[in-house]
Amino acid sequence: MWNYIIGYVVTLVLGYLFAPKPQNAKPAGLSDVQAATAEVGREIPVLFGTRDLEGPNVVWYGHLKTKAIKVKGGKK
């Protein structure tokens, strides 16, 4: 049983010593965000299979319905 405990402690220490150290990364800014856009004249990519698009051009997005917000009150 002591062999297992000693082996566990040794592997824990070695794992801590050889683990990659994190780099100091700068915080993400607005230029790093790649959100979907809807621009006229921009190309529309044609993909086959499963892919990850970075900043796609949205052509159609479902049946969008809007509803006005009516707030009553303000006077007491």
PDB file of N, CA and C in Angstrom:
ATOM      1  N   MET A   1       0.818  -1.183   0.000  1.00  0.00           N
ATOM      2  CA  MET A   1       0.000   0.000   0.000  1.00  0.00           C
ATOM      3  C   MET A   1       0.868   1.256   0.000  1.00  0.00           C
ATOM      4  N   TRP A   2       1.961   1.221   0.728  1.00  0.00           N
ATOM      5  CA  TRP A   2       2.838   2.392   0.757  1.00  0.00           C
ATOM      6  C   TRP A   2       3.473   2.646  -0.615  1.00  0.00           C
ATOM      7  N   ASN A   3       3.667   1.584  -1.376  1.00  0.00           N
ATOM      8  CA  ASN A   3       4.215   1.747  -2.716  1.00  0.00           C
ATOM      9  C   ASN A   3       3.291   2.599  -3.582  1.00  0.00           C
ATOM     10  N   TYR A   4       1.991   2.382  -3.472  1.00  0.00           N
ATOM     11  CA  TYR A   4       1.028   3.154  -4.247  1.00  0.00           C
ATOM     12  C   TYR A   4       1.009   4.618  -3.821  1.00  0.00           C
ATOM     13  N   ILE A   5       1.095   4.861  -2.551  1.00  0.00           N
ATOM     14  CA  ILE A   5       1.083   6.248  -2.050  1.00  0.00           C
ATOM     15  C   ILE A   5       2.341   6.980  -2.502  1.00  0.00           C
ATOM     16  N   ILE A   6       3.495   6.341  -2.387  1.00  0.00           N
ATOM     17  CA  ILE A   6       4.749   6.961  -2.817  1.00  0.00           C
ATOM     18  C   ILE A   6       4.739   7.189  -4.325  1.00  0.00           C
ATOM     19  N   GLY A   7       4.253   6.210  -5.083  1.00  0.00           N
ATOM     20  CA  GLY A   7       4.162   6.369  -6.534  1.00  0.00           C
ATOM     21  C   GLY A   7       3.224   7.501  -6.917  1.00  0.00           C
ATOM     22  N   TYR A   8       2.114   7.654  -6.206  1.00  0.00           N
ATOM     23  CA  TYR A   8       1.171   8.730  -6.467  1.00  0.00           C
ATOM     24  C   TYR A   8       1.817  10.091  -6.212  1.00  0.00           C
ATOM     25  N   VAL A   9       2.509  10.228  -5.097  1.00  0.00           N
ATOM     26  CA  VAL A   9       3.155  11.502  -4.756  1.00  0.00           C
ATOM     27  C   VAL A   9       4.250  11.832  -5.768  1.00  0.00           C
ATOM     28  N   VAL A  10       5.030  10.849  -6.175  1.00  0.00           N
ATOM     29  CA  VAL A  10       6.104  11.079  -7.146  1.00  0.00           C
ATOM     30  C   VAL A  10       5.522  11.532  -8.476  1.00  0.00           C
ATOM     31  N   THR A  11       4.489  10.852  -8.975  1.00  0.00           N
ATOM     32  CA  THR A  11       3.895  11.251 -10.250  1.00  0.00           C
ATOM     33  C   THR A  11       3.204  12.608 -10.146  1.00  0.00           C
ATOM     34  N   LEU A  12       2.654  12.936  -8.998  1.00  0.00           N
ATOM     35  CA  LEU A  12       2.033  14.244  -8.803  1.00  0.00           C
ATOM     36  C   LEU A  12       3.077  15.350  -8.871  1.00  0.00           C
ATOM     37  N   VAL A  13       4.219  15.153  -8.228  1.00  0.00           N
ATOM     38  CA  VAL A  13       5.291  16.154  -8.244  1.00  0.00           C
ATOM     39  C   VAL A  13       5.881  16.278  -9.652  1.00  0.00           C
ATOM     40  N   LEU A  14       6.120  15.159 -10.335  1.00  0.00           N
ATOM     41  CA  LEU A  14       6.654  15.206 -11.695  1.00  0.00           C
ATOM     42  C   LEU A  14       5.671  15.868 -12.662  1.00  0.00           C
ATOM     43  N   GLY A  15       4.394  15.601 -12.497  1.00  0.00           N
ATOM     44  CA  GLY A  15       3.390  16.243 -13.339  1.00  0.00           C
ATOM     45  C   GLY A  15       3.358  17.745 -13.139  1.00  0.00           C
ATOM     46  N   TYR A  16       3.519  18.190 -11.910  1.00  0.00           N
ATOM     47  CA  TYR A  16       3.560  19.636 -11.626  1.00  0.00           C
ATOM     48  C   TYR A  16       4.812  20.281 -12.205  1.00  0.00           C
ATOM     49  N   LEU A  17       5.952  19.612 -12.110  1.00  0.00           N
ATOM     50  CA  LEU A  17       7.209  20.175 -12.599  1.00  0.00           C
ATOM     51  C   LEU A  17       7.262  20.257 -14.127  1.00  0.00           C
ATOM     52  N   PHE A  18       6.697  19.268 -14.819  1.00  0.00           N
ATOM     53  CA  PHE A  18       6.780  19.220 -16.280  1.00  0.00           C
ATOM     54  C   PHE A  18       5.549  19.781 -16.981  1.00  0.00           C
ATOM     55  N   ALA A  19       4.611  20.307 -16.244  1.00  0.00           N
ATOM     56  CA  ALA A  19       3.411  20.895 -16.865  1.00  0.00           C
ATOM     57  C   ALA A  19       3.783  22.192 -17.584  1.00  0.00           C
ATOM     58  N   PRO A  20       3.174  22.460 -18.755  1.00  0.00           N
ATOM     59  CA  PRO A  20       3.485  23.709 -19.466  1.00  0.00           C
ATOM     60  C   PRO A  20       3.009  24.917 -18.676  1.00  0.00           C
ATOM     61  N   LYS A  21       3.823  25.933 -18.647  1.00  0.00           N
ATOM     62  CA  LYS A  21       3.486  27.154 -17.917  1.00  0.00           C
ATOM     63  C   LYS A  21       2.633  28.057 -18.800  1.00  0.00           C
ATOM     64  N   PRO A  22       1.567  28.655 -18.282  1.00  0.00           N
ATOM     65  CA  PRO A  22       0.711  29.515 -19.100  1.00  0.00           C
ATOM     66  C   PRO A  22       1.418  30.814 -19.476  1.00  0.00           C
ATOM     67  N   GLN A  23       1.154  31.278 -20.706  1.00  0.00           N
ATOM     68  CA  GLN A  23       1.718  32.536 -21.183  1.00  0.00           C
ATOM     69  C   GLN A  23       0.814  33.683 -20.736  1.00  0.00           C
ATOM     70  N   ASN A  24       1.389  34.865 -20.590  1.00  0.00           N
ATOM     71  CA  ASN A  24       0.595  36.039 -20.259  1.00  0.00           C
ATOM     72  C   ASN A  24      -0.050  36.546 -21.539  1.00  0.00           C
ATOM     73  N   ALA A  25      -1.327  36.256 -21.703  1.00  0.00           N
ATOM     74  CA  ALA A  25      -2.044  36.646 -22.908  1.00  0.00           C
ATOM     75  C   ALA A  25      -2.759  37.975 -22.679  1.00  0.00           C
ATOM     76  N   LYS A  26      -2.801  38.791 -23.737  1.00  0.00           N
ATOM     77  CA  LYS A  26      -3.511  40.060 -23.628  1.00  0.00           C
ATOM     78  C   LYS A  26      -5.007  39.785 -23.718  1.00  0.00           C
ATOM     79  N   PRO A  27      -5.828  40.611 -23.083  1.00  0.00           N
ATOM     80  CA  PRO A  27      -7.273  40.400 -23.154  1.00  0.00           C
ATOM     81  C   PRO A  27      -7.791  40.640 -24.573  1.00  0.00           C
ATOM     82  N   ALA A  28      -8.854  39.939 -24.921  1.00  0.00           N
ATOM     83  CA  ALA A  28      -9.419  40.055 -26.263  1.00  0.00           C
ATOM     84  C   ALA A  28     -10.074  41.417 -26.447  1.00  0.00           C
ATOM     85  N   GLY A  29      -9.868  42.012 -27.606  1.00  0.00           N
ATOM     86  CA  GLY A  29     -10.475  43.295 -27.939  1.00  0.00           C
ATOM     87  C   GLY A  29     -11.587  43.105 -28.951  1.00  0.00           C
ATOM     88  N   LEU A  30     -12.175  44.188 -29.395  1.00  0.00           N
ATOM     89  CA  LEU A  30     -13.259  44.109 -30.358  1.00  0.00           C
ATOM     90  C   LEU A  30     -12.792  43.585 -31.707  1.00  0.00           C
ATOM     91  N   SER A  31     -11.534  43.814 -32.039  1.00  0.00           N
ATOM     92  CA  SER A  31     -11.030  43.329 -33.322  1.00  0.00           C
ATOM     93  C   SER A  31     -10.845  41.812 -33.333  1.00  0.00           C
ATOM     94  N   ASP A  32     -10.818  41.175 -32.170  1.00  0.00           N
ATOM     95  CA  ASP A  32     -10.645  39.729 -32.090  1.00  0.00           C
ATOM     96  C   ASP A  32     -11.954  38.965 -32.233  1.00  0.00           C
ATOM     97  N   VAL A  33     -13.075  39.651 -32.115  1.00  0.00           N
ATOM     98  CA  VAL A  33     -14.383  39.005 -32.211  1.00  0.00           C
ATOM     99  C   VAL A  33     -14.735  38.823 -33.684  1.00  0.00           C
ATOM    100  N   GLN A  34     -15.114  37.617 -34.048  1.00  0.00           N
ATOM    101  CA  GLN A  34     -15.498  37.333 -35.420  1.00  0.00           C
ATOM    102  C   GLN A  34     -16.957  36.895 -35.440  1.00  0.00           C
ATOM    103  N   ALA A  35     -17.858  37.875 -35.412  1.00  0.00           N
ATOM    104  CA  ALA A  35     -19.275  37.590 -35.409  1.00  0.00           C
ATOM    105  C   ALA A  35     -19.785  37.515 -36.844  1.00  0.00           C
ATOM    106  N   ALA A  36     -20.938  36.899 -36.985  1.00  0.00           N
ATOM    107  CA  ALA A  36     -21.554  36.800 -38.310  1.00  0.00           C
ATOM    108  C   ALA A  36     -21.989  38.185 -38.782  1.00  0.00           C
ATOM    109  N   THR A  37     -21.823  38.444 -40.083  1.00  0.00           N
ATOM    110  CA  THR A  37     -22.200  39.727 -40.664  1.00  0.00           C
ATOM    111  C   THR A  37     -23.176  39.500 -41.811  1.00  0.00           C
ATOM    112  N   ALA A  38     -23.783  40.565 -42.270  1.00  0.00           N
ATOM    113  CA  ALA A  38     -24.667  40.520 -43.434  1.00  0.00           C
ATOM    114  C   ALA A  38     -24.298  41.695 -44.320  1.00  0.00           C
ATOM    115  N   GLU A  39     -23.367  41.502 -45.225  1.00  0.00           N
ATOM    116  CA  GLU A  39     -22.871  42.564 -46.095  1.00  0.00           C
ATOM    117  C   GLU A  39     -23.209  42.248 -47.547  1.00  0.00           C
ATOM    118  N   VAL A  40     -23.629  43.251 -48.278  1.00  0.00           N
ATOM    119  CA  VAL A  40     -23.921  43.094 -49.697  1.00  0.00           C
ATOM    120  C   VAL A  40     -22.600  43.011 -50.458  1.00  0.00           C
ATOM    121  N   GLY A  41     -22.501  42.071 -51.376  1.00  0.00           N
ATOM    122  CA  GLY A  41     -21.314  41.953 -52.190  1.00  0.00           C
ATOM    123  C   GLY A  41     -20.238  41.047 -51.622  1.00  0.00           C
ATOM    124  N   ARG A  42     -20.387  40.636 -50.389  1.00  0.00           N
ATOM    125  CA  ARG A  42     -19.393  39.733 -49.792  1.00  0.00           C
ATOM    126  C   ARG A  42     -19.670  38.307 -50.246  1.00  0.00           C
ATOM    127  N   GLU A  43     -18.619  37.553 -50.500  1.00  0.00           N
ATOM    128  CA  GLU A  43     -18.785  36.201 -51.007  1.00  0.00           C
ATOM    129  C   GLU A  43     -19.459  35.302 -49.968  1.00  0.00           C
ATOM    130  N   ILE A  44     -20.169  34.307 -50.475  1.00  0.00           N
ATOM    131  CA  ILE A  44     -20.851  33.329 -49.631  1.00  0.00           C
ATOM    132  C   ILE A  44     -20.102  32.013 -49.777  1.00  0.00           C
ATOM    133  N   PRO A  45     -19.484  31.506 -48.714  1.00  0.00           N
ATOM    134  CA  PRO A  45     -18.715  30.266 -48.838  1.00  0.00           C
ATOM    135  C   PRO A  45     -19.630  29.056 -49.010  1.00  0.00           C
ATOM    136  N   VAL A  46     -19.213  28.120 -49.839  1.00  0.00           N
ATOM    137  CA  VAL A  46     -19.924  26.858 -50.028  1.00  0.00           C
ATOM    138  C   VAL A  46     -19.065  25.780 -49.386  1.00  0.00           C
ATOM    139  N   LEU A  47     -19.634  25.098 -48.405  1.00  0.00           N
ATOM    140  CA  LEU A  47     -18.886  24.097 -47.657  1.00  0.00           C
ATOM    141  C   LEU A  47     -19.549  22.733 -47.780  1.00  0.00           C
ATOM    142  N   PHE A  48     -18.756  21.704 -47.745  1.00  0.00           N
ATOM    143  CA  PHE A  48     -19.250  20.342 -47.745  1.00  0.00           C
ATOM    144  C   PHE A  48     -18.717  19.666 -46.489  1.00  0.00           C
ATOM    145  N   GLY A  49     -19.597  19.007 -45.759  1.00  0.00           N
ATOM    146  CA  GLY A  49     -19.182  18.333 -44.534  1.00  0.00           C
ATOM    147  C   GLY A  49     -19.307  19.251 -43.340  1.00  0.00           C
ATOM    148  N   THR A  50     -18.615  18.935 -42.283  1.00  0.00           N
ATOM    149  CA  THR A  50     -18.650  19.710 -41.054  1.00  0.00           C
ATOM    150  C   THR A  50     -17.424  20.605 -40.999  1.00  0.00           C
ATOM    151  N   ARG A  51     -17.649  21.897 -40.920  1.00  0.00           N
ATOM    152  CA  ARG A  51     -16.559  22.879 -40.898  1.00  0.00           C
ATOM    153  C   ARG A  51     -16.856  23.938 -39.855  1.00  0.00           C
ATOM    154  N   ASP A  52     -15.844  24.692 -39.477  1.00  0.00           N
ATOM    155  CA  ASP A  52     -15.976  25.803 -38.552  1.00  0.00           C
ATOM    156  C   ASP A  52     -15.670  27.087 -39.313  1.00  0.00           C
ATOM    157  N   LEU A  53     -16.683  27.939 -39.458  1.00  0.00           N
ATOM    158  CA  LEU A  53     -16.506  29.196 -40.178  1.00  0.00           C
ATOM    159  C   LEU A  53     -16.125  30.296 -39.209  1.00  0.00           C
ATOM    160  N   GLU A  54     -15.197  31.132 -39.613  1.00  0.00           N
ATOM    161  CA  GLU A  54     -14.816  32.279 -38.801  1.00  0.00           C
ATOM    162  C   GLU A  54     -15.391  33.529 -39.452  1.00  0.00           C
ATOM    163  N   GLY A  55     -16.382  34.136 -38.810  1.00  0.00           N
ATOM    164  CA  GLY A  55     -17.003  35.352 -39.325  1.00  0.00           C
ATOM    165  C   GLY A  55     -17.771  35.134 -40.607  1.00  0.00           C
ATOM    166  N   PRO A  56     -18.781  34.245 -40.613  1.00  0.00           N
ATOM    167  CA  PRO A  56     -19.504  33.978 -41.851  1.00  0.00           C
ATOM    168  C   PRO A  56     -20.396  35.143 -42.264  1.00  0.00           C
ATOM    169  N   ASN A  57     -20.795  35.151 -43.517  1.00  0.00           N
ATOM    170  CA  ASN A  57     -21.715  36.147 -44.045  1.00  0.00           C
ATOM    171  C   ASN A  57     -23.104  35.531 -44.010  1.00  0.00           C
ATOM    172  N   VAL A  58     -24.002  36.087 -43.208  1.00  0.00           N
ATOM    173  CA  VAL A  58     -25.340  35.547 -43.027  1.00  0.00           C
ATOM    174  C   VAL A  58     -26.224  36.072 -44.148  1.00  0.00           C
ATOM    175  N   VAL A  59     -26.855  35.174 -44.893  1.00  0.00           N
ATOM    176  CA  VAL A  59     -27.731  35.556 -45.992  1.00  0.00           C
ATOM    177  C   VAL A  59     -29.179  35.557 -45.530  1.00  0.00           C
ATOM    178  N   TRP A  60     -29.572  34.557 -44.737  1.00  0.00           N
ATOM    179  CA  TRP A  60     -30.953  34.444 -44.289  1.00  0.00           C
ATOM    180  C   TRP A  60     -30.932  33.836 -42.895  1.00  0.00           C
ATOM    181  N   TYR A  61     -31.748  34.367 -42.004  1.00  0.00           N
ATOM    182  CA  TYR A  61     -31.752  33.887 -40.631  1.00  0.00           C
ATOM    183  C   TYR A  61     -33.186  33.694 -40.162  1.00  0.00           C
ATOM    184  N   GLY A  62     -33.838  32.638 -40.606  1.00  0.00           N
ATOM    185  CA  GLY A  62     -35.156  32.255 -40.125  1.00  0.00           C
ATOM    186  C   GLY A  62     -36.218  33.321 -40.329  1.00  0.00           C
ATOM    187  N   HIS A  63     -37.358  33.102 -39.714  1.00  0.00           N
ATOM    188  CA  HIS A  63     -38.476  34.041 -39.770  1.00  0.00           C
ATOM    189  C   HIS A  63     -38.362  34.983 -38.582  1.00  0.00           C
ATOM    190  N   LEU A  64     -37.730  36.103 -38.807  1.00  0.00           N
ATOM    191  CA  LEU A  64     -37.511  37.063 -37.740  1.00  0.00           C
ATOM    192  C   LEU A  64     -38.788  37.855 -37.494  1.00  0.00           C
ATOM    193  N   LYS A  65     -39.264  37.837 -36.275  1.00  0.00           N
ATOM    194  CA  LYS A  65     -40.450  38.598 -35.899  1.00  0.00           C
ATOM    195  C   LYS A  65     -40.066  39.547 -34.773  1.00  0.00           C
ATOM    196  N   THR A  66     -40.540  40.751 -34.871  1.00  0.00           N
ATOM    197  CA  THR A  66     -40.280  41.732 -33.817  1.00  0.00           C
ATOM    198  C   THR A  66     -41.582  42.101 -33.152  1.00  0.00           C
ATOM    199  N   LYS A  67     -41.492  42.497 -31.901  1.00  0.00           N
ATOM    200  CA  LYS A  67     -42.661  42.891 -31.131  1.00  0.00           C
ATOM    201  C   LYS A  67     -42.273  44.137 -30.341  1.00  0.00           C
ATOM    202  N   ALA A  68     -43.087  45.165 -30.472  1.00  0.00           N
ATOM    203  CA  ALA A  68     -42.812  46.422 -29.765  1.00  0.00           C
ATOM    204  C   ALA A  68     -43.000  46.206 -28.268  1.00  0.00           C
ATOM    205  N   ILE A  69     -42.143  46.828 -27.487  1.00  0.00           N
ATOM    206  CA  ILE A  69     -42.237  46.769 -26.039  1.00  0.00           C
ATOM    207  C   ILE A  69     -43.066  47.951 -25.569  1.00  0.00           C
ATOM    208  N   LYS A  70     -44.173  47.656 -24.922  1.00  0.00           N
ATOM    209  CA  LYS A  70     -45.053  48.694 -24.411  1.00  0.00           C
ATOM    210  C   LYS A  70     -44.954  48.705 -22.891  1.00  0.00           C
ATOM    211  N   VAL A  71     -44.503  49.811 -22.365  1.00  0.00           N
ATOM    212  CA  VAL A  71     -44.334  49.921 -20.914  1.00  0.00           C
ATOM    213  C   VAL A  71     -45.367  50.919 -20.402  1.00  0.00           C
ATOM    214  N   LYS A  72     -46.146  50.478 -19.456  1.00  0.00           N
ATOM    215  CA  LYS A  72     -47.131  51.370 -18.838  1.00  0.00           C
ATOM    216  C   LYS A  72     -46.558  51.851 -17.527  1.00  0.00           C
ATOM    217  N   GLY A  73     -46.926  53.061 -17.159  1.00  0.00           N
ATOM    218  CA  GLY A  73     -46.485  53.568 -15.878  1.00  0.00           C
ATOM    219  C   GLY A  73     -45.633  54.812 -16.051  1.00  0.00           C
ATOM    220  N   GLY A  74     -44.864  55.084 -15.076  1.00  0.00           N
ATOM    221  CA  GLY A  74     -44.032  56.264 -15.095  1.00  0.00           C
ATOM    222  C   GLY A  74     -44.537  57.314 -14.116  1.00  0.00           C
ATOM    223  N   LYS A  75     -45.857  57.389 -13.996  1.00  0.00           N
ATOM    224  CA  LYS A  75     -46.464  58.319 -13.034  1.00  0.00           C
ATOM    225  C   LYS A  75     -46.990  57.532 -11.854  1.00  0.00           C
ATOM    226  N   LYS A  76     -46.870  58.134 -10.700  1.00  0.00           N
ATOM    227  CA  LYS A  76     -47.375  57.440  -9.505  1.00  0.00           C
ATOM    228  C   LYS A  76     -48.528  58.180  -8.907  1.00  0.00           C
TER     229      LYS A  76
END
